[in-house]
Amino acid sequence: MSDFIQIWPGQASDYAHSVDLLILALTGLIIALSAPVFILIVYFAVKYRRGHKADRQHPMNRNVWLETSWALIPFFLILVFYVWSTGLYFDLHQPPANAMEVQVVAKRWMWKFQHPGGQGEINELHVPVGEPIRLNMISQDVIHSLFLPALRIKQDVLPERYTSLWFSADKPGTYRLACAEFCGTDHSLMGGSLVVQTQADYAAWLEQFATDNTLAAQGAGLFRTLGCSGCHESGSTRRAPSIHGLYGRPVALSDGSTVVADAQYIRDSILLPNAQVTAGYPPIMPTFKDVVDEEGLVRLVAYIQSLGSASPVLPQGVAAGTLAPQNLAPEGTAP
């Protein structure tokens, strides 16, 4: 079998089965709608190949219902497929709340995966069978696209912007992953493997590559190394917001707008600190654009995320009652 090209990859998830069913049904519909046209073309070409004198004395037969039906029936059939495919699209972009998050950094020409426990991989991703996995992805250079054929999923990975993808593989095995966006000279070599393991095998793999530093712990060390703790930790002498309880909370900005402190906001605050300044604080933070790479940013975000979130509090220097309820913000921003 290895000598033959695999035209249709195997299925490794329920989602892959749903996508294949959609494709096969749509192919069947296209054949059903187009085959009669081509069959009649061949039939009439053969039957009337010598020509035929047409009788034009009979009046035209204008059957409105017939003419309407061959327009409306295909339209409603296509509409069914539109609703069907839209449902699959929304399923793909709504990960379960308990999904395990894996950080992905794409760079020419490799994939770097970082597990919550600190285990890192290059061009190989180990996941447990039956567990929802959410990939939080960003590119360090150009546009890439993570493609997992056995799962029938693909997502562009962009520079300076996080994108996400989730899946739940239900069949243990090793499957191909690839870059589906031309990214340069060695684009065709930018591939790897998705390794789906049983729960026991995955636990053994985690133990084999266990590290004392989780992803959040690595971020905490980097946070202190960069000197961020001197401004953003409690008891610091400089006037800067705290990062404790920040992640996922609304932040009131100095321009009067409000933004949620997600991974994108934290990353932008580290690289472009003066673009979104927290209300009540001066724009004095330096940029770390040429200091921290994408992998370091992933660790810093993981550390801030590990500090949790709490109920909103007023920014420093803002008196109670001076902000509308929708503008209440946490006392925090990114380092």
Protein backbone atom coordinates (compact mmCIF):
# COMPACT_ATOMS: atom_id res chain seq x y z
CA MET A 1 0.00 0.00 0.00
CA SER A 2 2.93 2.34 0.62
CA ASP A 3 3.67 2.30 -3.13
CA PHE A 4 0.35 3.99 -3.88
CA ILE A 5 -0.50 7.65 -3.42
CA GLN A 6 -3.18 8.16 -0.78
CA ILE A 7 -5.81 10.24 -2.53
CA TRP A 8 -8.29 10.41 0.36
CA PRO A 9 -6.69 10.57 3.84
CA GLY A 10 -8.19 8.54 6.68
CA GLN A 11 -10.52 10.01 9.29
CA ALA A 12 -9.26 10.66 12.82
CA SER A 13 -12.21 12.58 14.29
CA ASP A 14 -15.99 12.90 14.17
CA TYR A 15 -15.51 16.30 12.55
CA ALA A 16 -13.55 14.69 9.70
CA HIS A 17 -16.45 12.27 9.16
CA SER A 18 -18.92 15.19 9.04
CA VAL A 19 -16.80 17.09 6.52
CA ASP A 20 -16.46 14.01 4.29
CA LEU A 21 -20.21 13.44 4.44
CA LEU A 22 -20.81 17.06 3.41
CA ILE A 23 -18.37 16.78 0.49
CA LEU A 24 -19.86 13.51 -0.75
CA ALA A 25 -23.42 14.81 -0.48
CA LEU A 26 -22.50 18.04 -2.30
CA THR A 27 -20.71 16.04 -5.01
CA GLY A 28 -23.82 13.89 -5.41
CA LEU A 29 -25.99 17.00 -5.75
CA ILE A 30 -23.68 18.51 -8.38
CA ILE A 31 -23.77 15.28 -10.38
CA ALA A 32 -27.56 15.05 -10.10
CA LEU A 33 -27.98 18.62 -11.35
CA SER A 34 -25.35 18.58 -14.10
CA ALA A 35 -25.47 15.00 -15.42
CA PRO A 36 -28.84 15.39 -17.21
CA VAL A 37 -27.52 18.45 -19.04
CA PHE A 38 -24.45 16.66 -20.39
CA ILE A 39 -26.38 13.48 -21.16
CA LEU A 40 -28.94 15.41 -23.19
CA ILE A 41 -26.19 17.31 -25.01
CA VAL A 42 -24.69 14.03 -26.19
CA TYR A 43 -28.12 12.54 -26.98
CA PHE A 44 -29.30 15.48 -29.08
CA ALA A 45 -25.92 15.80 -30.80
CA VAL A 46 -26.20 12.20 -31.99
CA LYS A 47 -29.95 12.24 -32.79
CA TYR A 48 -29.91 15.45 -34.78
CA ARG A 49 -26.46 15.17 -36.28
CA ARG A 50 -27.88 15.23 -39.86
CA GLY A 51 -30.18 18.16 -39.14
CA HIS A 52 -33.94 18.31 -38.91
CA LYS A 53 -36.49 20.68 -40.35
CA ALA A 54 -38.20 22.36 -37.43
CA ASP A 55 -41.94 22.90 -37.35
CA ARG A 56 -42.40 26.46 -36.17
CA GLN A 57 -46.17 26.68 -36.63
CA HIS A 58 -47.01 25.52 -33.11
CA PRO A 59 -47.24 28.21 -30.40
CA MET A 60 -44.65 28.36 -27.59
CA ASN A 61 -45.42 26.37 -24.47
CA ARG A 62 -44.66 28.70 -21.55
CA ASN A 63 -45.16 26.59 -18.41
CA VAL A 64 -44.47 29.06 -15.60
CA TRP A 65 -44.45 26.38 -12.88
CA LEU A 66 -41.95 24.26 -14.78
CA GLU A 67 -39.64 27.21 -15.42
CA THR A 68 -39.90 28.31 -11.79
CA SER A 69 -39.31 24.82 -10.39
CA TRP A 70 -35.98 24.24 -12.12
CA ALA A 71 -34.72 27.47 -10.57
CA LEU A 72 -36.19 27.15 -7.06
CA ILE A 73 -35.48 23.44 -6.42
CA PRO A 74 -31.68 23.75 -6.97
CA PHE A 75 -31.72 26.99 -4.96
CA PHE A 76 -33.31 25.35 -1.90
CA LEU A 77 -31.06 22.31 -2.21
CA ILE A 78 -27.98 24.57 -2.21
CA LEU A 79 -29.45 26.47 0.74
CA VAL A 80 -29.55 23.22 2.72
CA PHE A 81 -25.84 22.78 2.14
CA TYR A 82 -25.18 26.38 3.13
CA VAL A 83 -26.88 25.83 6.51
CA TRP A 84 -25.10 22.49 6.93
CA SER A 85 -21.62 23.90 6.20
CA THR A 86 -22.26 26.98 8.36
CA GLY A 87 -23.01 24.71 11.32
CA LEU A 88 -19.70 22.88 10.80
CA TYR A 89 -17.88 26.22 10.59
CA PHE A 90 -19.28 27.45 13.90
CA ASP A 91 -18.49 24.10 15.56
CA LEU A 92 -14.89 24.48 14.44
CA HIS A 93 -14.59 27.95 16.00
CA GLN A 94 -16.30 27.27 19.34
CA PRO A 95 -13.93 25.17 21.47
CA PRO A 96 -15.20 23.60 24.70
CA ALA A 97 -14.41 25.48 27.89
CA ASN A 98 -12.35 22.56 29.19
CA ALA A 99 -10.13 22.26 26.09
CA MET A 100 -6.43 21.80 26.80
CA GLU A 101 -4.52 24.74 25.34
CA VAL A 102 -1.33 24.17 23.34
CA GLN A 103 0.73 27.15 22.18
CA VAL A 104 1.98 27.10 18.58
CA VAL A 105 4.69 29.32 17.08
CA ALA A 106 5.25 28.97 13.33
CA LYS A 107 8.54 30.08 11.77
CA ARG A 108 10.33 29.29 8.55
CA TRP A 109 10.41 26.38 8.32
CA MET A 110 9.17 24.58 11.42
CA TRP A 111 6.31 24.25 13.90
CA LYS A 112 7.03 24.73 17.60
CA PHE A 113 4.45 23.38 20.08
CA GLN A 114 4.45 24.23 23.79
CA HIS A 115 2.36 22.23 26.28
CA PRO A 116 1.00 23.75 29.53
CA GLY A 117 3.37 21.61 31.60
CA GLY A 118 6.41 23.08 29.86
CA GLN A 119 7.02 20.23 27.42
CA GLY A 120 8.08 21.53 24.02
CA GLU A 121 8.11 19.89 20.59
CA ILE A 122 9.27 20.77 17.10
CA ASN A 123 7.32 19.46 14.07
CA GLU A 124 5.56 16.90 16.26
CA LEU A 125 2.45 17.29 18.39
CA HIS A 126 1.42 14.69 20.96
CA VAL A 127 -2.20 14.77 22.16
CA PRO A 128 -4.44 12.39 24.13
CA VAL A 129 -7.26 10.62 22.31
CA GLY A 130 -10.77 11.88 22.96
CA GLU A 131 -9.66 15.13 24.63
CA PRO A 132 -10.51 18.56 23.17
CA ILE A 133 -7.32 20.41 22.20
CA ARG A 134 -7.19 24.15 21.49
CA LEU A 135 -4.25 25.45 19.49
CA ASN A 136 -3.36 29.09 20.13
CA MET A 137 -1.20 30.04 17.16
CA ILE A 138 0.98 32.89 15.91
CA SER A 139 3.71 33.29 13.29
CA GLN A 140 7.17 34.69 13.95
CA ASP A 141 7.74 35.78 10.34
CA VAL A 142 5.30 35.31 7.43
CA ILE A 143 1.83 33.83 6.93
CA HIS A 144 1.70 30.07 7.44
CA SER A 145 -1.27 27.69 7.56
CA LEU A 146 -1.55 24.65 9.82
CA PHE A 147 -3.23 21.80 7.95
CA LEU A 148 -4.22 18.48 9.55
CA PRO A 149 -5.66 16.36 6.70
CA ALA A 150 -6.83 13.47 8.90
CA LEU A 151 -8.92 15.93 10.94
CA ARG A 152 -10.07 17.95 7.89
CA ILE A 153 -9.10 21.23 9.54
CA LYS A 154 -6.87 24.10 8.46
CA GLN A 155 -6.19 27.55 9.90
CA ASP A 156 -3.96 30.41 8.77
CA VAL A 157 -1.22 31.36 11.24
CA LEU A 158 -0.51 35.07 11.04
CA PRO A 159 2.32 37.34 12.22
CA GLU A 160 1.42 39.74 15.06
CA ARG A 161 -2.03 38.22 15.48
CA TYR A 162 -3.27 35.15 17.36
CA THR A 163 -5.52 32.64 15.63
CA SER A 164 -6.95 29.48 17.15
CA LEU A 165 -8.10 26.04 16.14
CA TRP A 166 -9.55 23.16 18.15
CA PHE A 167 -10.10 19.46 17.59
CA SER A 168 -10.73 16.20 19.36
CA ALA A 169 -9.06 13.18 17.76
CA ASP A 170 -10.83 9.88 18.41
CA LYS A 171 -8.46 7.44 16.74
CA PRO A 172 -4.92 6.77 18.05
CA GLY A 173 -2.19 6.92 15.45
CA THR A 174 0.34 9.15 13.72
CA TYR A 175 -1.00 11.60 11.17
CA ARG A 176 0.54 14.14 8.83
CA LEU A 177 0.56 17.87 9.47
CA ALA A 178 1.71 20.44 6.95
CA CYS A 179 1.89 24.10 6.04
CA ALA A 180 -0.79 24.88 3.44
CA GLU A 181 0.36 28.44 2.67
CA PHE A 182 3.40 29.09 0.47
CA CYS A 183 5.90 30.62 2.88
CA GLY A 184 9.21 30.56 1.06
CA THR A 185 11.94 28.36 -0.36
CA ASP A 186 11.50 25.34 1.94
CA HIS A 187 7.72 25.55 2.23
CA SER A 188 7.31 21.95 1.07
CA LEU A 189 9.54 20.76 3.94
CA MET A 190 7.51 22.54 6.63
CA GLY A 191 5.62 19.53 7.90
CA GLY A 192 5.48 17.14 10.79
CA SER A 193 3.30 14.66 12.63
CA LEU A 194 0.25 14.67 14.87
CA VAL A 195 0.63 11.80 17.34
CA VAL A 196 -2.67 10.78 18.92
CA GLN A 197 -2.09 8.57 21.96
CA THR A 198 -4.18 6.71 24.48
CA GLN A 199 -4.57 8.40 27.85
CA ALA A 200 -1.98 6.09 29.41
CA ASP A 201 0.56 6.56 26.62
CA TYR A 202 0.10 10.33 26.67
CA ALA A 203 0.60 10.44 30.46
CA ALA A 204 3.78 8.39 30.02
CA TRP A 205 4.98 10.78 27.30
CA LEU A 206 4.36 13.78 29.54
CA GLU A 207 6.25 12.11 32.36
CA GLN A 208 9.17 11.25 30.07
CA PHE A 209 9.61 14.88 29.07
CA ALA A 210 8.48 16.41 32.35
CA THR A 211 10.18 19.63 33.41
CA ASP A 212 10.31 21.51 36.68
CA ASN A 213 9.19 24.67 34.90
CA THR A 214 5.68 24.82 33.51
CA LEU A 215 4.96 27.27 30.73
CA ALA A 216 3.61 29.74 33.30
CA ALA A 217 6.67 29.27 35.53
CA GLN A 218 8.95 29.98 32.58
CA GLY A 219 6.95 33.14 31.96
CA ALA A 220 7.33 34.16 35.61
CA GLY A 221 11.10 33.82 35.34
CA LEU A 222 11.17 35.86 32.14
CA PHE A 223 8.89 38.44 33.78
CA ARG A 224 11.46 39.00 36.53
CA THR A 225 14.46 38.83 34.19
CA LEU A 226 13.06 41.62 32.03
CA GLY A 227 12.50 43.77 35.10
CA CYS A 228 8.70 43.82 34.72
CA SER A 229 8.21 42.91 38.38
CA GLY A 230 9.80 46.21 39.43
CA CYS A 231 6.76 48.08 38.10
CA HIS A 232 3.84 45.66 37.98
CA GLU A 233 4.19 43.67 41.20
CA SER A 234 2.59 44.78 44.46
CA GLY A 235 4.91 46.98 46.50
CA SER A 236 6.75 48.32 43.46
CA THR A 237 7.89 51.94 43.66
CA ARG A 238 6.82 52.90 40.15
CA ARG A 239 3.26 53.80 39.30
CA ALA A 240 2.09 50.92 37.06
CA PRO A 241 -1.00 48.68 37.11
CA SER A 242 -0.89 45.21 38.64
CA ILE A 243 -1.15 42.09 36.49
CA HIS A 244 -2.83 40.00 39.21
CA GLY A 245 -6.37 39.06 38.23
CA LEU A 246 -5.99 40.73 34.85
CA TYR A 247 -6.52 38.00 32.26
CA GLY A 248 -9.95 37.94 30.68
CA ARG A 249 -11.21 41.09 32.36
CA PRO A 250 -12.30 44.42 30.85
CA VAL A 251 -9.72 47.18 30.90
CA ALA A 252 -10.71 50.87 30.77
CA LEU A 253 -8.34 52.81 28.51
CA SER A 254 -7.29 56.43 28.68
CA ASP A 255 -9.19 57.24 25.48
CA GLY A 256 -12.46 56.20 27.10
CA SER A 257 -12.79 52.84 25.35
CA THR A 258 -12.77 49.40 26.97
CA VAL A 259 -10.90 46.29 25.86
CA VAL A 260 -10.81 42.72 27.18
CA ALA A 261 -7.40 41.60 28.44
CA ASP A 262 -6.97 38.52 26.26
CA ALA A 263 -3.76 37.09 24.83
CA GLN A 264 -3.76 39.54 21.91
CA TYR A 265 -4.14 42.56 24.21
CA ILE A 266 -1.34 41.39 26.50
CA ARG A 267 0.99 40.76 23.56
CA ASP A 268 0.24 44.17 22.05
CA SER A 269 0.75 45.85 25.44
CA ILE A 270 4.23 44.34 25.70
CA LEU A 271 5.30 45.32 22.18
CA LEU A 272 3.25 48.52 21.74
CA PRO A 273 2.67 49.77 25.31
CA ASN A 274 1.52 53.25 24.32
CA ALA A 275 -1.12 52.09 21.83
CA GLN A 276 -3.63 51.17 24.58
CA VAL A 277 -2.86 52.92 27.86
CA THR A 278 -4.81 51.97 30.97
CA ALA A 279 -6.94 54.80 32.36
CA GLY A 280 -5.31 56.55 35.33
CA TYR A 281 -1.72 55.63 34.41
CA PRO A 282 0.90 57.61 32.49
CA PRO A 283 2.31 56.18 29.19
CA ILE A 284 5.80 55.54 30.52
CA MET A 285 6.31 51.84 29.77
CA PRO A 286 9.14 51.05 27.27
CA THR A 287 8.58 48.71 24.35
CA PHE A 288 9.99 45.17 24.38
CA LYS A 289 9.60 44.69 20.63
CA ASP A 290 13.27 43.91 19.97
CA VAL A 291 13.81 42.19 23.30
CA VAL A 292 11.28 39.34 23.46
CA ASP A 293 10.57 36.86 20.66
CA GLU A 294 7.25 35.10 20.05
CA GLU A 295 8.13 32.15 22.28
CA GLY A 296 8.93 34.54 25.12
CA LEU A 297 5.63 36.34 24.56
CA VAL A 298 3.79 33.02 24.77
CA ARG A 299 5.43 32.36 28.15
CA LEU A 300 4.60 35.82 29.47
CA VAL A 301 0.96 35.47 28.42
CA ALA A 302 0.79 32.05 30.09
CA TYR A 303 2.18 33.54 33.32
CA ILE A 304 -0.31 36.41 33.37
CA GLN A 305 -3.12 33.99 32.54
CA SER A 306 -2.08 31.79 35.47
CA LEU A 307 -2.61 34.71 37.85
CA GLY A 308 -6.35 34.42 37.21
CA SER A 309 -9.00 37.09 37.18
CA ALA A 310 -11.16 38.73 39.80
CA SER A 311 -13.94 41.28 40.03
CA PRO A 312 -13.19 44.62 38.34
CA VAL A 313 -11.57 47.36 40.39
CA LEU A 314 -11.03 51.04 39.67
CA PRO A 315 -7.77 52.15 38.07
CA GLN A 316 -5.34 53.95 40.32
CA GLY A 317 -6.17 57.64 40.70
CA VAL A 318 -9.80 57.26 39.56
CA ALA A 319 -12.40 58.02 42.23
CA ALA A 320 -15.40 55.79 42.76
CA GLY A 321 -18.43 56.87 40.75
CA THR A 322 -16.43 58.65 38.04
CA LEU A 323 -16.54 55.71 35.62
CA ALA A 324 -19.64 54.25 34.05
CA PRO A 325 -20.24 50.54 34.87
CA GLN A 326 -19.17 49.42 31.40
CA ASN A 327 -15.86 51.26 31.82
CA LEU A 328 -14.85 49.63 35.08
CA ALA A 329 -11.45 48.07 34.58
CA PRO A 330 -9.05 45.83 36.46
CA GLU A 331 -6.01 47.35 38.04
CA GLY A 332 -3.80 45.76 35.49
CA THR A 333 -2.24 45.59 32.09
CA ALA A 334 0.58 43.68 30.48
CA PRO A 335 4.19 44.12 31.60
